[in-house]
Amino acid sequence: VKLYGGSPLPKAIININDYSKKDINLYLDEFVRS
């Protein structure tokens, strides 16, 4: 923002679950044993 006048992202910190139809933690719980 400072050097180029903008960023390709809407905010500084982005998280995968902001974009995911299904909570990633559900995949973790499903496959954590295997």
PDB file of all heavy atoms in Angstrom:
ATOM      1  N   VAL A   1       0.839  -1.201   0.000  1.00  0.00           N
ATOM      2  CA  VAL A   1       0.000   0.000   0.000  1.00  0.00           C
ATOM      3  C   VAL A   1       0.874   1.252   0.000  1.00  0.00           C
ATOM      4  O   VAL A   1       0.634   2.209  -0.753  1.00  0.00           O
ATOM      5  CB  VAL A   1      -0.951  -0.008   1.217  1.00  0.00           C
ATOM      6  CG1 VAL A   1      -1.701   1.316   1.319  1.00  0.00           C
ATOM      7  CG2 VAL A   1      -1.940  -1.171   1.117  1.00  0.00           C
ATOM      8  N   LYS A   2       1.895   1.245   0.829  1.00  0.00           N
ATOM      9  CA  LYS A   2       2.774   2.396   0.973  1.00  0.00           C
ATOM     10  C   LYS A   2       3.606   2.649  -0.281  1.00  0.00           C
ATOM     11  O   LYS A   2       3.719   3.793  -0.754  1.00  0.00           O
ATOM     12  CB  LYS A   2       3.693   2.200   2.179  1.00  0.00           C
ATOM     13  CG  LYS A   2       4.711   3.312   2.410  1.00  0.00           C
ATOM     14  CD  LYS A   2       5.575   2.990   3.616  1.00  0.00           C
ATOM     15  CE  LYS A   2       6.649   4.042   3.847  1.00  0.00           C
ATOM     16  NZ  LYS A   2       7.527   3.677   5.010  1.00  0.00           N
ATOM     17  N   LEU A   3       4.171   1.595  -0.835  1.00  0.00           N
ATOM     18  CA  LEU A   3       5.118   1.743  -1.931  1.00  0.00           C
ATOM     19  C   LEU A   3       4.461   1.772  -3.301  1.00  0.00           C
ATOM     20  O   LEU A   3       4.937   2.453  -4.211  1.00  0.00           O
ATOM     21  CB  LEU A   3       6.147   0.613  -1.886  1.00  0.00           C
ATOM     22  CG  LEU A   3       6.990   0.526  -0.614  1.00  0.00           C
ATOM     23  CD1 LEU A   3       7.839  -0.733  -0.641  1.00  0.00           C
ATOM     24  CD2 LEU A   3       7.871   1.746  -0.460  1.00  0.00           C
ATOM     25  N   TYR A   4       3.384   0.989  -3.452  1.00  0.00           N
ATOM     26  CA  TYR A   4       2.781   0.837  -4.767  1.00  0.00           C
ATOM     27  C   TYR A   4       1.385   1.436  -4.882  1.00  0.00           C
ATOM     28  O   TYR A   4       0.773   1.408  -5.945  1.00  0.00           O
ATOM     29  CB  TYR A   4       2.713  -0.651  -5.143  1.00  0.00           C
ATOM     30  CG  TYR A   4       4.029  -1.376  -5.012  1.00  0.00           C
ATOM     31  CD1 TYR A   4       4.098  -2.610  -4.375  1.00  0.00           C
ATOM     32  CD2 TYR A   4       5.197  -0.843  -5.530  1.00  0.00           C
ATOM     33  CE1 TYR A   4       5.286  -3.284  -4.251  1.00  0.00           C
ATOM     34  CE2 TYR A   4       6.409  -1.515  -5.403  1.00  0.00           C
ATOM     35  CZ  TYR A   4       6.443  -2.736  -4.766  1.00  0.00           C
ATOM     36  OH  TYR A   4       7.640  -3.409  -4.645  1.00  0.00           O
ATOM     37  N   GLY A   5       0.857   1.944  -3.770  1.00  0.00           N
ATOM     38  CA  GLY A   5      -0.460   2.549  -3.805  1.00  0.00           C
ATOM     39  C   GLY A   5      -1.610   1.581  -3.660  1.00  0.00           C
ATOM     40  O   GLY A   5      -2.774   1.960  -3.818  1.00  0.00           O
ATOM     41  N   GLY A   6      -1.335   0.321  -3.381  1.00  0.00           N
ATOM     42  CA  GLY A   6      -2.400  -0.666  -3.208  1.00  0.00           C
ATOM     43  C   GLY A   6      -1.852  -2.058  -3.091  1.00  0.00           C
ATOM     44  O   GLY A   6      -0.646  -2.293  -3.229  1.00  0.00           O
ATOM     45  N   SER A   7      -2.730  -3.026  -2.796  1.00  0.00           N
ATOM     46  CA  SER A   7      -2.362  -4.425  -2.648  1.00  0.00           C
ATOM     47  C   SER A   7      -3.393  -5.284  -3.363  1.00  0.00           C
ATOM     48  O   SER A   7      -4.563  -4.901  -3.458  1.00  0.00           O
ATOM     49  CB  SER A   7      -2.307  -4.803  -1.160  1.00  0.00           C
ATOM     50  OG  SER A   7      -2.169  -6.210  -0.990  1.00  0.00           O
ATOM     51  N   PRO A   8      -2.985  -6.460  -3.868  1.00  0.00           N
ATOM     52  CA  PRO A   8      -3.968  -7.361  -4.481  1.00  0.00           C
ATOM     53  C   PRO A   8      -4.910  -7.993  -3.468  1.00  0.00           C
ATOM     54  O   PRO A   8      -5.915  -8.592  -3.858  1.00  0.00           O
ATOM     55  CB  PRO A   8      -3.095  -8.433  -5.152  1.00  0.00           C
ATOM     56  CG  PRO A   8      -1.796  -8.397  -4.423  1.00  0.00           C
ATOM     57  CD  PRO A   8      -1.608  -6.974  -3.997  1.00  0.00           C
ATOM     58  N   LEU A   9      -4.610  -7.876  -2.168  1.00  0.00           N
ATOM     59  CA  LEU A   9      -5.450  -8.448  -1.131  1.00  0.00           C
ATOM     60  C   LEU A   9      -6.343  -7.388  -0.494  1.00  0.00           C
ATOM     61  O   LEU A   9      -5.962  -6.221  -0.398  1.00  0.00           O
ATOM     62  CB  LEU A   9      -4.591  -9.095  -0.045  1.00  0.00           C
ATOM     63  CG  LEU A   9      -3.715 -10.277  -0.464  1.00  0.00           C
ATOM     64  CD1 LEU A   9      -3.004 -10.843   0.749  1.00  0.00           C
ATOM     65  CD2 LEU A   9      -4.545 -11.359  -1.150  1.00  0.00           C
ATOM     66  N   PRO A  10      -7.520  -7.799  -0.009  1.00  0.00           N
ATOM     67  CA  PRO A  10      -8.436  -6.828   0.618  1.00  0.00           C
ATOM     68  C   PRO A  10      -8.027  -6.431   2.030  1.00  0.00           C
ATOM     69  O   PRO A  10      -8.494  -5.434   2.553  1.00  0.00           O
ATOM     70  CB  PRO A  10      -9.767  -7.584   0.627  1.00  0.00           C
ATOM     71  CG  PRO A  10      -9.369  -9.038   0.680  1.00  0.00           C
ATOM     72  CD  PRO A  10      -8.113  -9.135  -0.139  1.00  0.00           C
ATOM     73  N   LYS A  11      -7.169  -7.241   2.672  1.00  0.00           N
ATOM     74  CA  LYS A  11      -6.729  -6.957   4.030  1.00  0.00           C
ATOM     75  C   LYS A  11      -5.386  -7.632   4.256  1.00  0.00           C
ATOM     76  O   LYS A  11      -4.941  -8.462   3.445  1.00  0.00           O
ATOM     77  CB  LYS A  11      -7.753  -7.440   5.055  1.00  0.00           C
ATOM     78  CG  LYS A  11      -8.097  -8.918   4.947  1.00  0.00           C
ATOM     79  CD  LYS A  11      -9.171  -9.305   5.945  1.00  0.00           C
ATOM     80  CE  LYS A  11      -9.520 -10.800   5.810  1.00  0.00           C
ATOM     81  NZ  LYS A  11     -10.554 -11.214   6.788  1.00  0.00           N
ATOM     82  N   ALA A  12      -4.761  -7.311   5.382  1.00  0.00           N
ATOM     83  CA  ALA A  12      -3.407  -7.810   5.635  1.00  0.00           C
ATOM     84  C   ALA A  12      -3.391  -9.321   5.857  1.00  0.00           C
ATOM     85  O   ALA A  12      -2.582 -10.029   5.263  1.00  0.00           O
ATOM     86  CB  ALA A  12      -2.792  -7.090   6.832  1.00  0.00           C
ATOM     87  N   ILE A  13      -4.273  -9.826   6.722  1.00  0.00           N
ATOM     88  CA  ILE A  13      -4.266 -11.246   7.066  1.00  0.00           C
ATOM     89  C   ILE A  13      -5.464 -11.938   6.425  1.00  0.00           C
ATOM     90  O   ILE A  13      -6.608 -11.542   6.631  1.00  0.00           O
ATOM     91  CB  ILE A  13      -4.297 -11.448   8.595  1.00  0.00           C
ATOM     92  CG1 ILE A  13      -3.071 -10.788   9.248  1.00  0.00           C
ATOM     93  CG2 ILE A  13      -4.335 -12.932   8.937  1.00  0.00           C
ATOM     94  CD1 ILE A  13      -3.114 -10.802  10.766  1.00  0.00           C
ATOM     95  N   ILE A  14      -5.183 -12.957   5.635  1.00  0.00           N
ATOM     96  CA  ILE A  14      -6.249 -13.767   5.057  1.00  0.00           C
ATOM     97  C   ILE A  14      -6.131 -15.189   5.586  1.00  0.00           C
ATOM     98  O   ILE A  14      -5.039 -15.677   5.866  1.00  0.00           O
ATOM     99  CB  ILE A  14      -6.215 -13.770   3.515  1.00  0.00           C
ATOM    100  CG1 ILE A  14      -4.862 -14.273   2.991  1.00  0.00           C
ATOM    101  CG2 ILE A  14      -6.498 -12.377   2.974  1.00  0.00           C
ATOM    102  CD1 ILE A  14      -4.824 -14.452   1.476  1.00  0.00           C
ATOM    103  N   ASN A  15      -7.273 -15.860   5.751  1.00  0.00           N
ATOM    104  CA  ASN A  15      -7.326 -17.207   6.301  1.00  0.00           C
ATOM    105  C   ASN A  15      -8.103 -18.103   5.359  1.00  0.00           C
ATOM    106  O   ASN A  15      -9.094 -17.693   4.753  1.00  0.00           O
ATOM    107  CB  ASN A  15      -7.976 -17.195   7.685  1.00  0.00           C
ATOM    108  CG  ASN A  15      -7.881 -18.549   8.382  1.00  0.00           C
ATOM    109  OD1 ASN A  15      -8.620 -19.480   8.072  1.00  0.00           O
ATOM    110  ND2 ASN A  15      -6.955 -18.655   9.338  1.00  0.00           N
ATOM    111  N   ILE A  16      -7.649 -19.343   5.247  1.00  0.00           N
ATOM    112  CA  ILE A  16      -8.248 -20.270   4.301  1.00  0.00           C
ATOM    113  C   ILE A  16      -9.736 -20.462   4.529  1.00  0.00           C
ATOM    114  O   ILE A  16     -10.518 -20.591   3.580  1.00  0.00           O
ATOM    115  CB  ILE A  16      -7.499 -21.620   4.333  1.00  0.00           C
ATOM    116  CG1 ILE A  16      -7.913 -22.501   3.162  1.00  0.00           C
ATOM    117  CG2 ILE A  16      -7.687 -22.333   5.657  1.00  0.00           C
ATOM    118  CD1 ILE A  16      -7.054 -23.746   3.007  1.00  0.00           C
ATOM    119  N   ASN A  17     -10.181 -20.439   5.791  1.00  0.00           N
ATOM    120  CA  ASN A  17     -11.598 -20.644   6.066  1.00  0.00           C
ATOM    121  C   ASN A  17     -12.462 -19.447   5.693  1.00  0.00           C
ATOM    122  O   ASN A  17     -13.680 -19.544   5.661  1.00  0.00           O
ATOM    123  CB  ASN A  17     -11.808 -21.041   7.526  1.00  0.00           C
ATOM    124  CG  ASN A  17     -11.609 -22.534   7.755  1.00  0.00           C
ATOM    125  OD1 ASN A  17     -11.978 -23.355   6.920  1.00  0.00           O
ATOM    126  ND2 ASN A  17     -11.013 -22.883   8.893  1.00  0.00           N
ATOM    127  N   ASP A  18     -11.827 -18.312   5.404  1.00  0.00           N
ATOM    128  CA  ASP A  18     -12.579 -17.176   4.867  1.00  0.00           C
ATOM    129  C   ASP A  18     -13.111 -17.477   3.465  1.00  0.00           C
ATOM    130  O   ASP A  18     -14.049 -16.842   2.985  1.00  0.00           O
ATOM    131  CB  ASP A  18     -11.698 -15.924   4.804  1.00  0.00           C
ATOM    132  CG  ASP A  18     -11.269 -15.430   6.173  1.00  0.00           C
ATOM    133  OD1 ASP A  18     -11.919 -15.800   7.169  1.00  0.00           O
ATOM    134  OD2 ASP A  18     -10.289 -14.668   6.248  1.00  0.00           O
ATOM    135  N   TYR A  19     -12.493 -18.443   2.798  1.00  0.00           N
ATOM    136  CA  TYR A  19     -12.836 -18.744   1.403  1.00  0.00           C
ATOM    137  C   TYR A  19     -13.439 -20.139   1.235  1.00  0.00           C
ATOM    138  O   TYR A  19     -13.909 -20.474   0.145  1.00  0.00           O
ATOM    139  CB  TYR A  19     -11.582 -18.656   0.525  1.00  0.00           C
ATOM    140  CG  TYR A  19     -10.936 -17.297   0.525  1.00  0.00           C
ATOM    141  CD1 TYR A  19      -9.980 -16.950   1.472  1.00  0.00           C
ATOM    142  CD2 TYR A  19     -11.283 -16.333  -0.415  1.00  0.00           C
ATOM    143  CE1 TYR A  19      -9.388 -15.695   1.483  1.00  0.00           C
ATOM    144  CE2 TYR A  19     -10.690 -15.080  -0.414  1.00  0.00           C
ATOM    145  CZ  TYR A  19      -9.752 -14.772   0.542  1.00  0.00           C
ATOM    146  OH  TYR A  19      -9.169 -13.523   0.550  1.00  0.00           O
ATOM    147  N   SER A  20     -13.436 -20.953   2.270  1.00  0.00           N
ATOM    148  CA  SER A  20     -13.769 -22.359   2.131  1.00  0.00           C
ATOM    149  C   SER A  20     -15.249 -22.642   2.363  1.00  0.00           C
ATOM    150  O   SER A  20     -15.843 -22.160   3.335  1.00  0.00           O
ATOM    151  CB  SER A  20     -12.920 -23.182   3.108  1.00  0.00           C
ATOM    152  OG  SER A  20     -13.171 -24.558   2.973  1.00  0.00           O
ATOM    153  N   LYS A  21     -15.856 -23.436   1.470  1.00  0.00           N
ATOM    154  CA  LYS A  21     -17.242 -23.873   1.623  1.00  0.00           C
ATOM    155  C   LYS A  21     -17.389 -24.837   2.799  1.00  0.00           C
ATOM    156  O   LYS A  21     -18.445 -24.940   3.404  1.00  0.00           O
ATOM    157  CB  LYS A  21     -17.728 -24.555   0.341  1.00  0.00           C
ATOM    158  CG  LYS A  21     -17.917 -23.631  -0.840  1.00  0.00           C
ATOM    159  CD  LYS A  21     -18.322 -24.402  -2.086  1.00  0.00           C
ATOM    160  CE  LYS A  21     -19.702 -25.021  -1.949  1.00  0.00           C
ATOM    161  NZ  LYS A  21     -20.119 -25.708  -3.229  1.00  0.00           N
ATOM    162  N   LYS A  22     -16.314 -25.563   3.110  1.00  0.00           N
ATOM    163  CA  LYS A  22     -16.315 -26.523   4.204  1.00  0.00           C
ATOM    164  C   LYS A  22     -15.146 -26.207   5.125  1.00  0.00           C
ATOM    165  O   LYS A  22     -14.025 -26.005   4.677  1.00  0.00           O
ATOM    166  CB  LYS A  22     -16.189 -27.952   3.664  1.00  0.00           C
ATOM    167  CG  LYS A  22     -16.168 -29.036   4.726  1.00  0.00           C
ATOM    168  CD  LYS A  22     -16.078 -30.419   4.089  1.00  0.00           C
ATOM    169  CE  LYS A  22     -15.975 -31.513   5.148  1.00  0.00           C
ATOM    170  NZ  LYS A  22     -15.877 -32.874   4.512  1.00  0.00           N
ATOM    171  N   ASP A  23     -15.401 -26.147   6.416  1.00  0.00           N
ATOM    172  CA  ASP A  23     -14.373 -25.843   7.403  1.00  0.00           C
ATOM    173  C   ASP A  23     -13.214 -26.840   7.264  1.00  0.00           C
ATOM    174  O   ASP A  23     -13.401 -28.054   7.318  1.00  0.00           O
ATOM    175  CB  ASP A  23     -14.966 -25.934   8.815  1.00  0.00           C
ATOM    176  CG  ASP A  23     -14.041 -25.405   9.894  1.00  0.00           C
ATOM    177  OD1 ASP A  23     -12.809 -25.463   9.711  1.00  0.00           O
ATOM    178  OD2 ASP A  23     -14.548 -24.952  10.942  1.00  0.00           O
ATOM    179  N   ILE A  24     -12.003 -26.313   7.073  1.00  0.00           N
ATOM    180  CA  ILE A  24     -10.839 -27.165   6.896  1.00  0.00           C
ATOM    181  C   ILE A  24     -10.623 -28.073   8.100  1.00  0.00           C
ATOM    182  O   ILE A  24     -10.155 -29.212   7.964  1.00  0.00           O
ATOM    183  CB  ILE A  24      -9.583 -26.318   6.624  1.00  0.00           C
ATOM    184  CG1 ILE A  24      -9.682 -25.652   5.247  1.00  0.00           C
ATOM    185  CG2 ILE A  24      -8.313 -27.151   6.701  1.00  0.00           C
ATOM    186  CD1 ILE A  24      -9.734 -26.634   4.078  1.00  0.00           C
ATOM    187  N   ASN A  25     -10.986 -27.607   9.291  1.00  0.00           N
ATOM    188  CA  ASN A  25     -10.817 -28.426  10.485  1.00  0.00           C
ATOM    189  C   ASN A  25     -11.603 -29.730  10.410  1.00  0.00           C
ATOM    190  O   ASN A  25     -11.231 -30.725  11.039  1.00  0.00           O
ATOM    191  CB  ASN A  25     -11.211 -27.649  11.740  1.00  0.00           C
ATOM    192  CG  ASN A  25     -10.148 -26.640  12.148  1.00  0.00           C
ATOM    193  OD1 ASN A  25      -8.971 -26.785  11.842  1.00  0.00           O
ATOM    194  ND2 ASN A  25     -10.554 -25.594  12.852  1.00  0.00           N
ATOM    195  N   LEU A  26     -12.680 -29.745   9.639  1.00  0.00           N
ATOM    196  CA  LEU A  26     -13.449 -30.984   9.470  1.00  0.00           C
ATOM    197  C   LEU A  26     -12.642 -32.028   8.707  1.00  0.00           C
ATOM    198  O   LEU A  26     -12.736 -33.219   8.991  1.00  0.00           O
ATOM    199  CB  LEU A  26     -14.770 -30.696   8.756  1.00  0.00           C
ATOM    200  CG  LEU A  26     -15.765 -29.799   9.514  1.00  0.00           C
ATOM    201  CD1 LEU A  26     -17.001 -29.525   8.662  1.00  0.00           C
ATOM    202  CD2 LEU A  26     -16.161 -30.439  10.841  1.00  0.00           C
ATOM    203  N   TYR A  27     -11.849 -31.582   7.724  1.00  0.00           N
ATOM    204  CA  TYR A  27     -10.957 -32.505   7.023  1.00  0.00           C
ATOM    205  C   TYR A  27      -9.879 -33.028   7.971  1.00  0.00           C
ATOM    206  O   TYR A  27      -9.509 -34.203   7.930  1.00  0.00           O
ATOM    207  CB  TYR A  27     -10.299 -31.820   5.828  1.00  0.00           C
ATOM    208  CG  TYR A  27     -11.237 -31.478   4.705  1.00  0.00           C
ATOM    209  CD1 TYR A  27     -11.548 -30.158   4.429  1.00  0.00           C
ATOM    210  CD2 TYR A  27     -11.797 -32.476   3.915  1.00  0.00           C
ATOM    211  CE1 TYR A  27     -12.402 -29.825   3.385  1.00  0.00           C
ATOM    212  CE2 TYR A  27     -12.658 -32.156   2.866  1.00  0.00           C
ATOM    213  CZ  TYR A  27     -12.958 -30.829   2.607  1.00  0.00           C
ATOM    214  OH  TYR A  27     -13.813 -30.502   1.572  1.00  0.00           O
ATOM    215  N   LEU A  28      -9.364 -32.133   8.811  1.00  0.00           N
ATOM    216  CA  LEU A  28      -8.345 -32.541   9.759  1.00  0.00           C
ATOM    217  C   LEU A  28      -8.877 -33.610  10.702  1.00  0.00           C
ATOM    218  O   LEU A  28      -8.218 -34.615  10.960  1.00  0.00           O
ATOM    219  CB  LEU A  28      -7.855 -31.332  10.563  1.00  0.00           C
ATOM    220  CG  LEU A  28      -7.346 -30.121   9.775  1.00  0.00           C
ATOM    221  CD1 LEU A  28      -6.854 -29.038  10.724  1.00  0.00           C
ATOM    222  CD2 LEU A  28      -6.244 -30.516   8.822  1.00  0.00           C
ATOM    223  N   ASP A  29     -10.071 -33.414  11.198  1.00  0.00           N
ATOM    224  CA  ASP A  29     -10.672 -34.380  12.112  1.00  0.00           C
ATOM    225  C   ASP A  29     -10.952 -35.712  11.404  1.00  0.00           C
ATOM    226  O   ASP A  29     -10.827 -36.783  11.995  1.00  0.00           O
ATOM    227  CB  ASP A  29     -11.969 -33.830  12.703  1.00  0.00           C
ATOM    228  CG  ASP A  29     -11.730 -32.657  13.651  1.00  0.00           C
ATOM    229  OD1 ASP A  29     -10.581 -32.477  14.121  1.00  0.00           O
ATOM    230  OD2 ASP A  29     -12.697 -31.905  13.919  1.00  0.00           O
ATOM    231  N   GLU A  30     -11.304 -35.639  10.122  1.00  0.00           N
ATOM    232  CA  GLU A  30     -11.640 -36.847   9.361  1.00  0.00           C
ATOM    233  C   GLU A  30     -10.424 -37.719   9.104  1.00  0.00           C
ATOM    234  O   GLU A  30     -10.492 -38.950   9.176  1.00  0.00           O
ATOM    235  CB  GLU A  30     -12.287 -36.455   8.028  1.00  0.00           C
ATOM    236  CG  GLU A  30     -12.702 -37.639   7.159  1.00  0.00           C
ATOM    237  CD  GLU A  30     -13.362 -37.188   5.860  1.00  0.00           C
ATOM    238  OE1 GLU A  30     -13.589 -35.962   5.687  1.00  0.00           O
ATOM    239  OE2 GLU A  30     -13.662 -38.067   5.010  1.00  0.00           O
ATOM    240  N   PHE A  31      -9.282 -37.111   8.829  1.00  0.00           N
ATOM    241  CA  PHE A  31      -8.098 -37.860   8.400  1.00  0.00           C
ATOM    242  C   PHE A  31      -6.972 -37.867   9.428  1.00  0.00           C
ATOM    243  O   PHE A  31      -5.874 -38.338   9.123  1.00  0.00           O
ATOM    244  CB  PHE A  31      -7.581 -37.293   7.075  1.00  0.00           C
ATOM    245  CG  PHE A  31      -8.537 -37.440   5.925  1.00  0.00           C
ATOM    246  CD1 PHE A  31      -9.035 -36.319   5.269  1.00  0.00           C
ATOM    247  CD2 PHE A  31      -8.947 -38.688   5.501  1.00  0.00           C
ATOM    248  CE1 PHE A  31      -9.918 -36.445   4.204  1.00  0.00           C
ATOM    249  CE2 PHE A  31      -9.841 -38.832   4.431  1.00  0.00           C
ATOM    250  CZ  PHE A  31     -10.329 -37.707   3.791  1.00  0.00           C
ATOM    251  N   VAL A  32      -7.217 -37.373  10.642  1.00  0.00           N
ATOM    252  CA  VAL A  32      -6.143 -37.211  11.618  1.00  0.00           C
ATOM    253  C   VAL A  32      -5.528 -38.557  12.034  1.00  0.00           C
ATOM    254  O   VAL A  32      -4.351 -38.634  12.386  1.00  0.00           O
ATOM    255  CB  VAL A  32      -6.638 -36.428  12.852  1.00  0.00           C
ATOM    256  CG1 VAL A  32      -7.613 -37.264  13.694  1.00  0.00           C
ATOM    257  CG2 VAL A  32      -5.470 -35.960  13.705  1.00  0.00           C
ATOM    258  N   ARG A  33      -6.285 -39.626  12.000  1.00  0.00           N
ATOM    259  CA  ARG A  33      -5.759 -40.933  12.393  1.00  0.00           C
ATOM    260  C   ARG A  33      -4.954 -41.607  11.288  1.00  0.00           C
ATOM    261  O   ARG A  33      -4.078 -42.427  11.566  1.00  0.00           O
ATOM    262  CB  ARG A  33      -6.897 -41.866  12.835  1.00  0.00           C
ATOM    263  CG  ARG A  33      -7.637 -41.380  14.080  1.00  0.00           C
ATOM    264  CD  ARG A  33      -8.763 -42.340  14.459  1.00  0.00           C
ATOM    265  NE  ARG A  33      -9.533 -41.825  15.573  1.00  0.00           N
ATOM    266  CZ  ARG A  33      -9.228 -41.993  16.853  1.00  0.00           C
ATOM    267  NH1 ARG A  33      -8.157 -42.714  17.177  1.00  0.00           N
ATOM    268  NH2 ARG A  33      -9.982 -41.468  17.801  1.00  0.00           N
ATOM    269  N   SER A  34      -5.239 -41.259  10.051  1.00  0.00           N
ATOM    270  CA  SER A  34      -4.596 -41.945   8.925  1.00  0.00           C
ATOM    271  C   SER A  34      -3.480 -41.141   8.269  1.00  0.00           C
ATOM    272  O   SER A  34      -2.702 -41.700   7.491  1.00  0.00           O
ATOM    273  CB  SER A  34      -5.636 -42.313   7.859  1.00  0.00           C
ATOM    274  OG  SER A  34      -6.314 -41.161   7.381  1.00  0.00           O
TER     275      SER A  34
END
